[in-house]
Amino acid sequence: MSCCVNDDDPFPVDDCLFADTFSQTSVYKLLGQELKIIQLFGANLGVAAPVWESALQLCRYFGEQHVEWRGRRVIELGSGTGVVGILAARLGADVTLTDLPLTLPQLEANVCANMPSSGWPSAPPTVLPLSWGMLGGRSSTGTFLTRKCQMLR
């Protein structure tokens, strides 16, 4: 693979930072659960590859608020690594994880890597593709979110 180098451009288009695909596995301890999360970099996953600090903070916030997950139905839009949804599933929620089709192998691997030894307290998390964008020349996102929110109530 050759890199396009332009010495005059401080932000080259092809900087070869992710010329090869590599993975990193991290262990997170959240709300009494130990989650093993695989992050696949350089596989064109973009922002879906890493565990974001905001996801970890959201998990901690749920603990601070004493959120009860048993019996809840959750859909996570743009799940990425799935850390938030997987935590909710391990705590008893019925979870659907969604993201772009390219991201699904990473999500499925993380779901499998985090199945409790005693099995999921509710159903195993469901992993489904969700591509955001245009539907018939109009945005489909608002309608989808409205329907999902109504279904989850």
N, C-alpha and C. Protein backbone atom coordinates (compact mmCIF):
# COMPACT_ATOMS: atom_id res chain seq x y z
N MET A 1 0.85 -1.18 0.00
CA MET A 1 0.00 0.00 0.00
C MET A 1 0.89 1.23 0.00
N SER A 2 0.60 2.16 -0.85
CA SER A 2 1.38 3.38 -0.88
C SER A 2 0.59 4.50 -0.22
N CYS A 3 1.31 5.41 0.38
CA CYS A 3 0.67 6.53 1.06
C CYS A 3 0.82 7.78 0.21
N CYS A 4 -0.24 8.55 0.15
CA CYS A 4 -0.18 9.84 -0.53
C CYS A 4 0.42 10.83 0.44
N VAL A 5 1.56 11.39 0.09
CA VAL A 5 2.22 12.32 1.00
C VAL A 5 2.38 13.65 0.29
N ASN A 6 1.87 14.68 0.91
CA ASN A 6 2.05 16.05 0.43
C ASN A 6 2.61 16.82 1.60
N ASP A 7 3.90 17.16 1.50
CA ASP A 7 4.57 17.81 2.62
C ASP A 7 3.97 19.16 2.98
N ASP A 8 3.22 19.77 2.06
CA ASP A 8 2.62 21.08 2.33
C ASP A 8 1.30 20.97 3.09
N ASP A 9 0.70 19.80 3.12
CA ASP A 9 -0.61 19.61 3.73
C ASP A 9 -0.45 19.06 5.14
N PRO A 10 -0.83 19.81 6.18
CA PRO A 10 -0.68 19.31 7.55
C PRO A 10 -1.66 18.18 7.88
N PHE A 11 -2.71 18.02 7.08
CA PHE A 11 -3.71 16.97 7.32
C PHE A 11 -3.90 16.16 6.04
N PRO A 12 -2.96 15.28 5.74
CA PRO A 12 -3.08 14.51 4.49
C PRO A 12 -4.30 13.61 4.50
N VAL A 13 -4.84 13.38 3.31
CA VAL A 13 -6.02 12.53 3.18
C VAL A 13 -5.70 11.11 3.60
N ASP A 14 -4.58 10.59 3.17
CA ASP A 14 -4.19 9.22 3.48
C ASP A 14 -2.94 9.28 4.35
N ASP A 15 -3.10 9.22 5.65
CA ASP A 15 -1.95 9.33 6.54
C ASP A 15 -1.40 7.97 6.96
N CYS A 16 -1.99 6.88 6.50
CA CYS A 16 -1.54 5.51 6.77
C CYS A 16 -1.57 5.13 8.24
N LEU A 17 -2.31 5.87 9.04
CA LEU A 17 -2.40 5.50 10.44
C LEU A 17 -3.07 4.15 10.63
N PHE A 18 -4.05 3.86 9.78
CA PHE A 18 -4.77 2.60 9.90
C PHE A 18 -4.65 1.78 8.63
N ALA A 19 -3.43 1.65 8.14
CA ALA A 19 -3.19 0.88 6.93
C ALA A 19 -3.53 -0.59 7.18
N ASP A 20 -3.36 -1.06 8.40
CA ASP A 20 -3.66 -2.44 8.74
C ASP A 20 -4.76 -2.46 9.80
N THR A 21 -5.52 -3.53 9.78
CA THR A 21 -6.56 -3.71 10.78
C THR A 21 -5.94 -4.35 12.02
N PHE A 22 -6.30 -3.84 13.18
CA PHE A 22 -5.86 -4.45 14.42
C PHE A 22 -6.97 -4.34 15.45
N SER A 23 -6.94 -5.23 16.42
CA SER A 23 -7.97 -5.19 17.45
C SER A 23 -7.33 -4.95 18.81
N GLN A 24 -8.16 -4.45 19.69
CA GLN A 24 -7.74 -4.21 21.07
C GLN A 24 -8.89 -4.68 21.95
N THR A 25 -8.59 -5.48 22.94
CA THR A 25 -9.60 -5.93 23.88
C THR A 25 -9.36 -5.23 25.22
N SER A 26 -10.41 -4.62 25.73
CA SER A 26 -10.34 -3.93 27.01
C SER A 26 -11.37 -4.50 27.95
N VAL A 27 -11.07 -4.48 29.24
CA VAL A 27 -11.99 -4.95 30.26
C VAL A 27 -12.46 -3.75 31.07
N TYR A 28 -13.77 -3.62 31.21
CA TYR A 28 -14.37 -2.51 31.96
C TYR A 28 -15.18 -3.10 33.10
N LYS A 29 -15.05 -2.50 34.28
CA LYS A 29 -15.85 -2.89 35.44
C LYS A 29 -16.87 -1.80 35.67
N LEU A 30 -18.13 -2.15 35.40
CA LEU A 30 -19.22 -1.18 35.47
C LEU A 30 -20.40 -1.79 36.21
N LEU A 31 -20.88 -1.13 37.23
CA LEU A 31 -22.06 -1.55 38.00
C LEU A 31 -21.96 -3.01 38.44
N GLY A 32 -20.79 -3.41 38.89
CA GLY A 32 -20.60 -4.77 39.37
C GLY A 32 -20.45 -5.81 38.27
N GLN A 33 -20.39 -5.38 37.04
CA GLN A 33 -20.24 -6.28 35.90
C GLN A 33 -18.87 -6.07 35.27
N GLU A 34 -18.26 -7.14 34.82
CA GLU A 34 -17.00 -7.04 34.10
C GLU A 34 -17.27 -7.32 32.63
N LEU A 35 -17.05 -6.31 31.81
CA LEU A 35 -17.30 -6.42 30.37
C LEU A 35 -15.99 -6.48 29.61
N LYS A 36 -15.88 -7.45 28.73
CA LYS A 36 -14.72 -7.60 27.86
C LYS A 36 -15.15 -7.10 26.48
N ILE A 37 -14.59 -5.99 26.05
CA ILE A 37 -15.03 -5.34 24.81
C ILE A 37 -13.90 -5.35 23.78
N ILE A 38 -14.20 -5.89 22.62
CA ILE A 38 -13.28 -5.93 21.49
C ILE A 38 -13.51 -4.69 20.63
N GLN A 39 -12.42 -3.99 20.34
CA GLN A 39 -12.48 -2.82 19.47
C GLN A 39 -11.65 -3.13 18.23
N LEU A 40 -12.27 -3.05 17.06
CA LEU A 40 -11.61 -3.39 15.81
C LEU A 40 -11.29 -2.12 15.04
N PHE A 41 -10.03 -1.75 15.02
CA PHE A 41 -9.59 -0.51 14.38
C PHE A 41 -9.10 -0.79 12.96
N GLY A 42 -9.30 0.17 12.09
CA GLY A 42 -8.81 0.06 10.72
C GLY A 42 -9.67 -0.80 9.82
N ALA A 43 -10.84 -1.16 10.25
CA ALA A 43 -11.73 -1.99 9.45
C ALA A 43 -12.86 -1.14 8.87
N ASN A 44 -12.57 0.13 8.64
CA ASN A 44 -13.55 1.07 8.10
C ASN A 44 -14.75 1.28 9.03
N LEU A 45 -14.57 1.01 10.31
CA LEU A 45 -15.66 1.20 11.26
C LEU A 45 -15.75 2.64 11.73
N GLY A 46 -14.70 3.41 11.54
CA GLY A 46 -14.74 4.82 11.93
C GLY A 46 -15.06 4.99 13.39
N VAL A 47 -16.08 5.81 13.68
CA VAL A 47 -16.44 6.12 15.06
C VAL A 47 -17.07 4.95 15.80
N ALA A 48 -17.39 3.87 15.09
CA ALA A 48 -17.98 2.69 15.73
C ALA A 48 -16.92 1.78 16.36
N ALA A 49 -15.65 1.98 16.03
CA ALA A 49 -14.60 1.08 16.51
C ALA A 49 -14.28 1.23 17.99
N PRO A 50 -14.11 2.44 18.52
CA PRO A 50 -13.67 2.55 19.91
C PRO A 50 -14.81 2.58 20.92
N VAL A 51 -14.46 2.30 22.16
CA VAL A 51 -15.37 2.55 23.28
C VAL A 51 -15.20 4.03 23.62
N TRP A 52 -16.27 4.77 23.54
CA TRP A 52 -16.22 6.20 23.81
C TRP A 52 -16.35 6.45 25.30
N GLU A 53 -15.64 7.45 25.79
CA GLU A 53 -15.73 7.82 27.20
C GLU A 53 -17.16 8.17 27.58
N SER A 54 -17.90 8.76 26.65
CA SER A 54 -19.30 9.11 26.93
C SER A 54 -20.14 7.86 27.21
N ALA A 55 -19.84 6.75 26.54
CA ALA A 55 -20.56 5.50 26.81
C ALA A 55 -20.29 5.01 28.23
N LEU A 56 -19.03 5.10 28.64
CA LEU A 56 -18.67 4.68 30.00
C LEU A 56 -19.31 5.59 31.04
N GLN A 57 -19.34 6.88 30.75
CA GLN A 57 -19.98 7.83 31.67
C GLN A 57 -21.48 7.58 31.77
N LEU A 58 -22.11 7.24 30.65
CA LEU A 58 -23.54 6.93 30.67
C LEU A 58 -23.81 5.70 31.54
N CYS A 59 -22.96 4.69 31.42
CA CYS A 59 -23.11 3.50 32.26
C CYS A 59 -22.98 3.86 33.74
N ARG A 60 -22.02 4.70 34.07
CA ARG A 60 -21.84 5.12 35.47
C ARG A 60 -23.04 5.93 35.95
N TYR A 61 -23.57 6.77 35.07
CA TYR A 61 -24.75 7.57 35.41
C TYR A 61 -25.93 6.65 35.76
N PHE A 62 -26.10 5.59 34.99
CA PHE A 62 -27.18 4.64 35.30
C PHE A 62 -27.01 4.08 36.70
N GLY A 63 -25.79 3.83 37.10
CA GLY A 63 -25.53 3.33 38.46
C GLY A 63 -25.84 4.38 39.51
N GLU A 64 -25.43 5.61 39.25
CA GLU A 64 -25.71 6.70 40.19
C GLU A 64 -27.21 6.93 40.36
N GLN A 65 -27.97 6.72 39.30
CA GLN A 65 -29.42 6.93 39.33
C GLN A 65 -30.18 5.67 39.76
N HIS A 66 -29.45 4.60 40.03
CA HIS A 66 -30.06 3.32 40.45
C HIS A 66 -31.13 2.85 39.48
N VAL A 67 -30.80 2.89 38.20
CA VAL A 67 -31.74 2.46 37.16
C VAL A 67 -31.98 0.96 37.30
N GLU A 68 -33.23 0.56 37.33
CA GLU A 68 -33.61 -0.86 37.39
C GLU A 68 -33.85 -1.34 35.95
N TRP A 69 -33.03 -2.27 35.48
CA TRP A 69 -33.11 -2.72 34.09
C TRP A 69 -34.03 -3.91 33.89
N ARG A 70 -34.28 -4.69 34.92
CA ARG A 70 -35.12 -5.89 34.74
C ARG A 70 -36.51 -5.49 34.23
N GLY A 71 -36.93 -6.19 33.19
CA GLY A 71 -38.25 -5.94 32.62
C GLY A 71 -38.31 -4.78 31.64
N ARG A 72 -37.22 -4.08 31.44
CA ARG A 72 -37.20 -2.95 30.50
C ARG A 72 -36.82 -3.43 29.11
N ARG A 73 -37.37 -2.78 28.10
CA ARG A 73 -36.97 -3.03 26.71
C ARG A 73 -36.16 -1.83 26.24
N VAL A 74 -34.99 -2.12 25.66
CA VAL A 74 -34.05 -1.07 25.28
C VAL A 74 -33.64 -1.27 23.82
N ILE A 75 -33.60 -0.17 23.07
CA ILE A 75 -33.00 -0.19 21.74
C ILE A 75 -31.88 0.85 21.75
N GLU A 76 -30.71 0.40 21.38
CA GLU A 76 -29.56 1.30 21.32
C GLU A 76 -29.27 1.60 19.86
N LEU A 77 -29.38 2.87 19.49
CA LEU A 77 -29.13 3.31 18.12
C LEU A 77 -27.66 3.68 17.98
N GLY A 78 -27.00 3.15 16.98
CA GLY A 78 -25.58 3.44 16.80
C GLY A 78 -24.76 2.84 17.93
N SER A 79 -24.89 1.55 18.14
CA SER A 79 -24.29 0.87 19.29
C SER A 79 -22.77 0.83 19.29
N GLY A 80 -22.15 0.86 18.13
CA GLY A 80 -20.69 0.77 18.06
C GLY A 80 -20.19 -0.53 18.65
N THR A 81 -19.50 -0.45 19.77
CA THR A 81 -19.00 -1.66 20.44
C THR A 81 -20.07 -2.35 21.26
N GLY A 82 -21.15 -1.64 21.56
CA GLY A 82 -22.26 -2.22 22.30
C GLY A 82 -22.14 -2.18 23.81
N VAL A 83 -21.16 -1.45 24.35
CA VAL A 83 -20.90 -1.50 25.79
C VAL A 83 -22.13 -1.12 26.62
N VAL A 84 -22.87 -0.10 26.22
CA VAL A 84 -24.02 0.35 27.01
C VAL A 84 -25.14 -0.69 26.96
N GLY A 85 -25.48 -1.15 25.77
CA GLY A 85 -26.55 -2.14 25.63
C GLY A 85 -26.22 -3.48 26.26
N ILE A 86 -24.97 -3.89 26.13
CA ILE A 86 -24.55 -5.16 26.73
C ILE A 86 -24.64 -5.08 28.25
N LEU A 87 -24.24 -3.96 28.82
CA LEU A 87 -24.38 -3.78 30.27
C LEU A 87 -25.85 -3.86 30.68
N ALA A 88 -26.72 -3.16 29.95
CA ALA A 88 -28.15 -3.20 30.27
C ALA A 88 -28.69 -4.63 30.17
N ALA A 89 -28.25 -5.39 29.16
CA ALA A 89 -28.70 -6.78 29.01
C ALA A 89 -28.21 -7.65 30.16
N ARG A 90 -26.98 -7.43 30.59
CA ARG A 90 -26.46 -8.22 31.71
C ARG A 90 -27.18 -7.90 33.01
N LEU A 91 -27.78 -6.71 33.06
CA LEU A 91 -28.54 -6.31 34.25
C LEU A 91 -30.03 -6.61 34.12
N GLY A 92 -30.43 -7.33 33.07
CA GLY A 92 -31.80 -7.82 32.97
C GLY A 92 -32.69 -7.21 31.92
N ALA A 93 -32.21 -6.23 31.16
CA ALA A 93 -33.05 -5.61 30.12
C ALA A 93 -33.11 -6.50 28.89
N ASP A 94 -34.20 -6.37 28.15
CA ASP A 94 -34.36 -7.01 26.84
C ASP A 94 -33.85 -5.99 25.83
N VAL A 95 -32.66 -6.24 25.23
CA VAL A 95 -31.93 -5.23 24.47
C VAL A 95 -31.84 -5.56 22.99
N THR A 96 -32.02 -4.53 22.16
CA THR A 96 -31.73 -4.60 20.74
C THR A 96 -30.62 -3.61 20.45
N LEU A 97 -29.52 -4.11 19.89
CA LEU A 97 -28.38 -3.28 19.52
C LEU A 97 -28.43 -3.05 18.02
N THR A 98 -28.28 -1.80 17.58
CA THR A 98 -28.32 -1.51 16.15
C THR A 98 -27.12 -0.67 15.74
N ASP A 99 -26.71 -0.86 14.50
CA ASP A 99 -25.67 -0.02 13.91
C ASP A 99 -25.61 -0.36 12.42
N LEU A 100 -24.69 0.29 11.73
CA LEU A 100 -24.51 0.04 10.31
C LEU A 100 -24.12 -1.42 10.09
N PRO A 101 -24.50 -2.00 8.96
CA PRO A 101 -24.19 -3.41 8.70
C PRO A 101 -22.71 -3.76 8.85
N LEU A 102 -21.81 -2.87 8.49
CA LEU A 102 -20.38 -3.12 8.59
C LEU A 102 -19.94 -3.33 10.04
N THR A 103 -20.68 -2.79 10.98
CA THR A 103 -20.34 -2.83 12.40
C THR A 103 -20.83 -4.11 13.09
N LEU A 104 -21.77 -4.81 12.48
CA LEU A 104 -22.42 -5.93 13.16
C LEU A 104 -21.47 -7.05 13.61
N PRO A 105 -20.44 -7.43 12.84
CA PRO A 105 -19.54 -8.48 13.37
C PRO A 105 -18.88 -8.09 14.69
N GLN A 106 -18.48 -6.82 14.83
CA GLN A 106 -17.89 -6.36 16.10
C GLN A 106 -18.93 -6.45 17.22
N LEU A 107 -20.15 -6.01 16.95
CA LEU A 107 -21.22 -6.06 17.95
C LEU A 107 -21.51 -7.50 18.37
N GLU A 108 -21.65 -8.38 17.38
CA GLU A 108 -21.96 -9.79 17.68
C GLU A 108 -20.84 -10.44 18.49
N ALA A 109 -19.59 -10.13 18.15
CA ALA A 109 -18.46 -10.68 18.91
C ALA A 109 -18.50 -10.21 20.35
N ASN A 110 -18.85 -8.95 20.57
CA ASN A 110 -18.90 -8.42 21.93
C ASN A 110 -20.07 -9.01 22.72
N VAL A 111 -21.19 -9.23 22.07
CA VAL A 111 -22.32 -9.89 22.74
C VAL A 111 -21.90 -11.29 23.19
N CYS A 112 -21.28 -12.04 22.28
CA CYS A 112 -20.85 -13.41 22.61
C CYS A 112 -19.80 -13.42 23.72
N ALA A 113 -18.87 -12.46 23.67
CA ALA A 113 -17.80 -12.41 24.67
C ALA A 113 -18.30 -12.05 26.06
N ASN A 114 -19.51 -11.52 26.14
CA ASN A 114 -20.02 -11.03 27.43
C ASN A 114 -21.24 -11.78 27.94
N MET A 115 -21.52 -12.94 27.38
CA MET A 115 -22.64 -13.72 27.89
C MET A 115 -22.27 -14.22 29.30
N PRO A 116 -23.11 -13.93 30.27
CA PRO A 116 -22.82 -14.40 31.63
C PRO A 116 -22.76 -15.93 31.68
N SER A 117 -21.94 -16.47 32.56
CA SER A 117 -21.80 -17.93 32.67
C SER A 117 -23.12 -18.61 32.98
N SER A 118 -24.01 -17.89 33.66
CA SER A 118 -25.33 -18.46 33.99
C SER A 118 -26.37 -18.16 32.90
N GLY A 119 -25.95 -17.53 31.82
CA GLY A 119 -26.87 -17.15 30.75
C GLY A 119 -27.39 -15.74 30.97
N TRP A 120 -28.01 -15.20 29.94
CA TRP A 120 -28.57 -13.85 30.03
C TRP A 120 -29.77 -13.84 30.97
N PRO A 121 -29.90 -12.84 31.85
CA PRO A 121 -31.04 -12.80 32.77
C PRO A 121 -32.38 -12.63 32.06
N SER A 122 -32.36 -12.02 30.90
CA SER A 122 -33.54 -11.90 30.04
C SER A 122 -33.16 -12.60 28.74
N ALA A 123 -33.71 -12.18 27.64
CA ALA A 123 -33.33 -12.75 26.34
C ALA A 123 -31.93 -12.27 25.96
N PRO A 124 -31.19 -13.05 25.16
CA PRO A 124 -29.90 -12.54 24.67
C PRO A 124 -30.12 -11.28 23.85
N PRO A 125 -29.17 -10.35 23.88
CA PRO A 125 -29.33 -9.14 23.06
C PRO A 125 -29.48 -9.48 21.58
N THR A 126 -30.34 -8.75 20.91
CA THR A 126 -30.54 -8.90 19.48
C THR A 126 -29.67 -7.86 18.79
N VAL A 127 -28.99 -8.26 17.72
CA VAL A 127 -28.15 -7.35 16.94
C VAL A 127 -28.77 -7.20 15.55
N LEU A 128 -29.10 -5.96 15.18
CA LEU A 128 -29.75 -5.70 13.90
C LEU A 128 -29.10 -4.54 13.16
N PRO A 129 -29.11 -4.60 11.81
CA PRO A 129 -28.58 -3.46 11.05
C PRO A 129 -29.55 -2.29 11.06
N LEU A 130 -29.00 -1.10 11.09
CA LEU A 130 -29.80 0.11 10.98
C LEU A 130 -28.97 1.15 10.26
N SER A 131 -29.38 1.47 9.03
CA SER A 131 -28.69 2.50 8.26
C SER A 131 -29.53 3.76 8.31
N TRP A 132 -28.95 4.82 8.79
CA TRP A 132 -29.63 6.10 8.87
C TRP A 132 -29.53 6.78 7.52
N GLY A 133 -30.52 7.55 7.16
CA GLY A 133 -30.39 8.28 5.91
C GLY A 133 -31.72 8.61 5.30
N MET A 134 -31.73 8.56 3.99
CA MET A 134 -32.90 8.99 3.23
C MET A 134 -33.75 7.79 2.83
N LEU A 135 -35.05 7.99 2.85
CA LEU A 135 -36.00 6.98 2.42
C LEU A 135 -36.99 7.69 1.49
N GLY A 136 -36.91 7.38 0.22
CA GLY A 136 -37.83 8.01 -0.73
C GLY A 136 -37.66 9.52 -0.80
N GLY A 137 -36.43 10.01 -0.67
CA GLY A 137 -36.18 11.44 -0.77
C GLY A 137 -36.43 12.22 0.51
N ARG A 138 -36.83 11.54 1.58
CA ARG A 138 -37.04 12.24 2.84
C ARG A 138 -36.34 11.47 3.95
N SER A 139 -36.05 12.15 5.01
CA SER A 139 -35.35 11.51 6.12
C SER A 139 -36.25 10.50 6.79
N SER A 140 -35.71 9.31 7.02
CA SER A 140 -36.49 8.26 7.67
C SER A 140 -36.24 8.21 9.17
N THR A 141 -35.25 8.92 9.67
CA THR A 141 -34.83 8.80 11.06
C THR A 141 -35.93 9.22 12.04
N GLY A 142 -36.56 10.35 11.80
CA GLY A 142 -37.57 10.84 12.74
C GLY A 142 -38.74 9.90 12.89
N THR A 143 -39.21 9.37 11.79
CA THR A 143 -40.33 8.42 11.85
C THR A 143 -39.92 7.17 12.61
N PHE A 144 -38.73 6.66 12.32
CA PHE A 144 -38.25 5.46 12.99
C PHE A 144 -38.17 5.69 14.50
N LEU A 145 -37.57 6.80 14.89
CA LEU A 145 -37.42 7.08 16.32
C LEU A 145 -38.77 7.24 16.99
N THR A 146 -39.70 7.92 16.34
CA THR A 146 -41.02 8.09 16.91
C THR A 146 -41.69 6.74 17.12
N ARG A 147 -41.64 5.91 16.12
CA ARG A 147 -42.28 4.58 16.23
C ARG A 147 -41.63 3.76 17.34
N LYS A 148 -40.29 3.76 17.39
CA LYS A 148 -39.60 2.97 18.40
C LYS A 148 -39.93 3.49 19.80
N CYS A 149 -39.96 4.80 19.97
CA CYS A 149 -40.27 5.35 21.29
C CYS A 149 -41.68 4.97 21.71
N GLN A 150 -42.62 4.99 20.78
CA GLN A 150 -43.99 4.61 21.10
C GLN A 150 -44.06 3.13 21.45
N MET A 151 -43.30 2.31 20.74
CA MET A 151 -43.31 0.87 21.00
C MET A 151 -42.70 0.54 22.36
N LEU A 152 -41.75 1.33 22.78
CA LEU A 152 -41.04 1.02 24.03
C LEU A 152 -41.77 1.49 25.28
N ARG A 153 -42.78 2.31 25.12
CA ARG A 153 -43.49 2.83 26.30
C ARG A 153 -44.34 1.78 26.95
